[in-house]
């Protein structure tokens, strides 16, 4: 979930992006992932999460969803155990609707200006 570093070999692992009974303002961090980067330096990465709204109403593609969790995910990296984590400048906004799943996500990168690198919206779904 970051374009700032690529691990070689690739690290594939689950990331807890949502927790139960969230309240607005709640925060947590992922586990720390360590591995050699494509430029051979060992990199440490973790993801910090913030619940910006625990009960939002959101309209996506003309459909209104209630009780939506709005989550902000920010990757942080460092190059040694003794160094502090630093932001990659990326922010991913994830909207999760109860009983449906992720209905929207958008990733932005901040440099001299902010630009969107990915954006996804739910088009249709089936609830059984």
C-alpha atoms as a PDB file:
ATOM      1  CA  UNK A   1       0.000   0.000   0.000  1.00  0.00           C
ATOM      2  CA  UNK A   2       2.849   2.366  -0.752  1.00  0.00           C
ATOM      3  CA  UNK A   3       4.666   3.411  -3.882  1.00  0.00           C
ATOM      4  CA  UNK A   4       7.614   4.824  -1.938  1.00  0.00           C
ATOM      5  CA  UNK A   5       9.396   1.490  -1.552  1.00  0.00           C
ATOM      6  CA  UNK A   6       9.289  -1.966  -3.122  1.00  0.00           C
ATOM      7  CA  UNK A   7      10.488  -5.019  -1.229  1.00  0.00           C
ATOM      8  CA  UNK A   8      12.519  -7.710  -3.017  1.00  0.00           C
ATOM      9  CA  UNK A   9      11.301 -10.329  -2.553  1.00  0.00           C
ATOM     10  CA  UNK A  10       7.793  -8.946  -2.234  1.00  0.00           C
ATOM     11  CA  UNK A  11       6.211  -9.056   1.237  1.00  0.00           C
ATOM     12  CA  UNK A  12       2.589 -10.236   1.190  1.00  0.00           C
ATOM     13  CA  UNK A  13       0.794 -10.115   4.509  1.00  0.00           C
ATOM     14  CA  UNK A  14      -2.581  -9.073   5.890  1.00  0.00           C
ATOM     15  CA  UNK A  15      -2.895  -5.546   7.261  1.00  0.00           C
ATOM     16  CA  UNK A  16      -5.564  -4.772   9.864  1.00  0.00           C
ATOM     17  CA  UNK A  17      -7.180  -1.659   8.364  1.00  0.00           C
ATOM     18  CA  UNK A  18     -10.363  -1.812  10.456  1.00  0.00           C
ATOM     19  CA  UNK A  19     -11.239  -2.586  14.061  1.00  0.00           C
ATOM     20  CA  UNK A  20     -14.517  -3.359  15.798  1.00  0.00           C
ATOM     21  CA  UNK A  21     -16.409  -0.751  17.803  1.00  0.00           C
ATOM     22  CA  UNK A  22     -14.388   2.166  16.472  1.00  0.00           C
ATOM     23  CA  UNK A  23     -15.029   5.692  17.659  1.00  0.00           C
ATOM     24  CA  UNK A  24     -14.107   8.887  15.873  1.00  0.00           C
ATOM     25  CA  UNK A  25     -10.508   9.757  16.720  1.00  0.00           C
ATOM     26  CA  UNK A  26      -9.359   6.167  17.394  1.00  0.00           C
ATOM     27  CA  UNK A  27      -5.912   5.268  16.071  1.00  0.00           C
ATOM     28  CA  UNK A  28      -3.687   2.210  15.749  1.00  0.00           C
ATOM     29  CA  UNK A  29      -0.583   1.016  13.904  1.00  0.00           C
ATOM     30  CA  UNK A  30       0.091  -2.104  11.886  1.00  0.00           C
ATOM     31  CA  UNK A  31       2.853  -4.545  12.658  1.00  0.00           C
ATOM     32  CA  UNK A  32       6.288  -3.531  11.471  1.00  0.00           C
ATOM     33  CA  UNK A  33       7.427  -5.088   8.191  1.00  0.00           C
ATOM     34  CA  UNK A  34      11.156  -5.377   7.476  1.00  0.00           C
ATOM     35  CA  UNK A  35      12.861  -6.380   4.267  1.00  0.00           C
ATOM     36  CA  UNK A  36      15.366  -5.514   1.567  1.00  0.00           C
ATOM     37  CA  UNK A  37      14.175  -2.872  -0.866  1.00  0.00           C
ATOM     38  CA  UNK A  38      14.604  -2.880  -4.630  1.00  0.00           C
ATOM     39  CA  UNK A  39      17.611  -0.597  -4.064  1.00  0.00           C
ATOM     40  CA  UNK A  40      19.062  -3.223  -1.615  1.00  0.00           C
ATOM     41  CA  UNK A  41      18.720  -1.193   1.594  1.00  0.00           C
ATOM     42  CA  UNK A  42      16.804  -2.828   4.445  1.00  0.00           C
ATOM     43  CA  UNK A  43      13.637  -0.811   5.054  1.00  0.00           C
ATOM     44  CA  UNK A  44      11.217  -0.835   7.995  1.00  0.00           C
ATOM     45  CA  UNK A  45       7.613   0.058   7.231  1.00  0.00           C
ATOM     46  CA  UNK A  46       4.396   0.312   9.212  1.00  0.00           C
ATOM     47  CA  UNK A  47       0.968   1.782   8.569  1.00  0.00           C
ATOM     48  CA  UNK A  48      -0.713   4.237  10.923  1.00  0.00           C
ATOM     49  CA  UNK A  49      -4.513   4.345  10.928  1.00  0.00           C
ATOM     50  CA  UNK A  50      -6.966   6.988  12.149  1.00  0.00           C
ATOM     51  CA  UNK A  51     -10.754   6.767  12.288  1.00  0.00           C
ATOM     52  CA  UNK A  52     -11.801  10.210  11.068  1.00  0.00           C
ATOM     53  CA  UNK A  53     -15.532   9.425  11.312  1.00  0.00           C
ATOM     54  CA  UNK A  54     -17.133   6.382  12.953  1.00  0.00           C
ATOM     55  CA  UNK A  55     -20.693   7.000  11.746  1.00  0.00           C
ATOM     56  CA  UNK A  56     -20.648   8.845   8.428  1.00  0.00           C
ATOM     57  CA  UNK A  57     -23.280   9.042   5.717  1.00  0.00           C
ATOM     58  CA  UNK A  58     -21.652   8.810   2.279  1.00  0.00           C
ATOM     59  CA  UNK A  59     -23.035   8.877  -1.261  1.00  0.00           C
ATOM     60  CA  UNK A  60     -21.073   6.881  -3.841  1.00  0.00           C
ATOM     61  CA  UNK A  61     -22.300   6.484  -7.443  1.00  0.00           C
ATOM     62  CA  UNK A  62     -25.736   7.796  -6.491  1.00  0.00           C
ATOM     63  CA  UNK A  63     -26.231   5.353  -3.600  1.00  0.00           C
ATOM     64  CA  UNK A  64     -26.271   6.631  -0.014  1.00  0.00           C
ATOM     65  CA  UNK A  65     -24.617   4.503   2.658  1.00  0.00           C
ATOM     66  CA  UNK A  66     -25.177   5.041   6.395  1.00  0.00           C
ATOM     67  CA  UNK A  67     -22.986   3.970   9.321  1.00  0.00           C
ATOM     68  CA  UNK A  68     -19.766   4.240   7.319  1.00  0.00           C
ATOM     69  CA  UNK A  69     -16.336   4.154   8.927  1.00  0.00           C
ATOM     70  CA  UNK A  70     -13.929   6.661   7.371  1.00  0.00           C
ATOM     71  CA  UNK A  71     -10.352   5.498   7.876  1.00  0.00           C
ATOM     72  CA  UNK A  72      -7.128   7.347   7.026  1.00  0.00           C
ATOM     73  CA  UNK A  73      -4.067   5.145   6.415  1.00  0.00           C
ATOM     74  CA  UNK A  74      -0.555   6.618   6.270  1.00  0.00           C
ATOM     75  CA  UNK A  75       2.578   4.571   5.508  1.00  0.00           C
ATOM     76  CA  UNK A  76       5.654   5.367   7.590  1.00  0.00           C
ATOM     77  CA  UNK A  77       9.202   4.180   6.829  1.00  0.00           C
ATOM     78  CA  UNK A  78      12.629   4.186   8.403  1.00  0.00           C
ATOM     79  CA  UNK A  79      15.988   2.771   7.412  1.00  0.00           C
ATOM     80  CA  UNK A  80      17.329   1.587  10.777  1.00  0.00           C
ATOM     81  CA  UNK A  81      16.043   0.507  14.184  1.00  0.00           C
ATOM     82  CA  UNK A  82      17.482   3.635  15.793  1.00  0.00           C
ATOM     83  CA  UNK A  83      15.853   6.051  13.342  1.00  0.00           C
ATOM     84  CA  UNK A  84      12.341   7.468  13.810  1.00  0.00           C
ATOM     85  CA  UNK A  85       9.536   6.675  11.394  1.00  0.00           C
ATOM     86  CA  UNK A  86       8.874   9.287   8.709  1.00  0.00           C
ATOM     87  CA  UNK A  87       5.830   9.773   6.524  1.00  0.00           C
ATOM     88  CA  UNK A  88       6.059   8.751   2.877  1.00  0.00           C
ATOM     89  CA  UNK A  89       3.697  11.626   2.027  1.00  0.00           C
ATOM     90  CA  UNK A  90       1.001   9.150   1.001  1.00  0.00           C
ATOM     91  CA  UNK A  91      -2.495   9.100   2.479  1.00  0.00           C
ATOM     92  CA  UNK A  92      -5.141   6.505   1.709  1.00  0.00           C
ATOM     93  CA  UNK A  93      -8.734   7.241   2.620  1.00  0.00           C
ATOM     94  CA  UNK A  94     -10.844   4.087   3.056  1.00  0.00           C
ATOM     95  CA  UNK A  95     -14.632   4.135   3.516  1.00  0.00           C
ATOM     96  CA  UNK A  96     -16.110   0.940   4.935  1.00  0.00           C
ATOM     97  CA  UNK A  97     -19.882   0.322   4.981  1.00  0.00           C
ATOM     98  CA  UNK A  98     -21.144  -2.238   7.485  1.00  0.00           C
ATOM     99  CA  UNK A  99     -22.521  -5.336   5.777  1.00  0.00           C
ATOM    100  CA  UNK A 100     -21.049  -4.330   2.413  1.00  0.00           C
ATOM    101  CA  UNK A 101     -17.297  -3.723   2.761  1.00  0.00           C
ATOM    102  CA  UNK A 102     -15.027  -1.112   1.254  1.00  0.00           C
ATOM    103  CA  UNK A 103     -17.122   1.273  -0.818  1.00  0.00           C
ATOM    104  CA  UNK A 104     -14.466   3.876  -1.603  1.00  0.00           C
ATOM    105  CA  UNK A 105     -10.721   4.390  -1.422  1.00  0.00           C
ATOM    106  CA  UNK A 106      -8.460   7.181  -2.571  1.00  0.00           C
ATOM    107  CA  UNK A 107      -4.694   7.538  -2.293  1.00  0.00           C
ATOM    108  CA  UNK A 108      -2.970  10.905  -2.493  1.00  0.00           C
ATOM    109  CA  UNK A 109       0.688  11.884  -2.381  1.00  0.00           C
ATOM    110  CA  UNK A 110       1.886  15.190  -1.009  1.00  0.00           C
ATOM    111  CA  UNK A 111       5.024  16.778  -2.420  1.00  0.00           C
ATOM    112  CA  UNK A 112       5.180  20.317  -3.722  1.00  0.00           C
ATOM    113  CA  UNK A 113       1.464  19.734  -4.428  1.00  0.00           C
ATOM    114  CA  UNK A 114      -1.112  17.018  -3.678  1.00  0.00           C
ATOM    115  CA  UNK A 115      -2.091  14.585  -6.405  1.00  0.00           C
ATOM    116  CA  UNK A 116      -4.233  11.451  -6.535  1.00  0.00           C
ATOM    117  CA  UNK A 117      -2.469   8.197  -7.427  1.00  0.00           C
ATOM    118  CA  UNK A 118      -5.472   5.837  -7.121  1.00  0.00           C
ATOM    119  CA  UNK A 119      -9.204   6.120  -6.597  1.00  0.00           C
ATOM    120  CA  UNK A 120     -11.780   3.335  -6.441  1.00  0.00           C
ATOM    121  CA  UNK A 121     -15.559   3.406  -5.945  1.00  0.00           C
ATOM    122  CA  UNK A 122     -18.074   0.616  -5.512  1.00  0.00           C
ATOM    123  CA  UNK A 123     -20.250   0.125  -8.587  1.00  0.00           C
ATOM    124  CA  UNK A 124     -22.509  -2.735  -7.473  1.00  0.00           C
ATOM    125  CA  UNK A 125     -22.753  -5.388  -4.797  1.00  0.00           C
ATOM    126  CA  UNK A 126     -24.837  -8.315  -3.635  1.00  0.00           C
ATOM    127  CA  UNK A 127     -25.790  -8.890  -0.017  1.00  0.00           C
ATOM    128  CA  UNK A 128     -26.938 -12.422   0.801  1.00  0.00           C
END
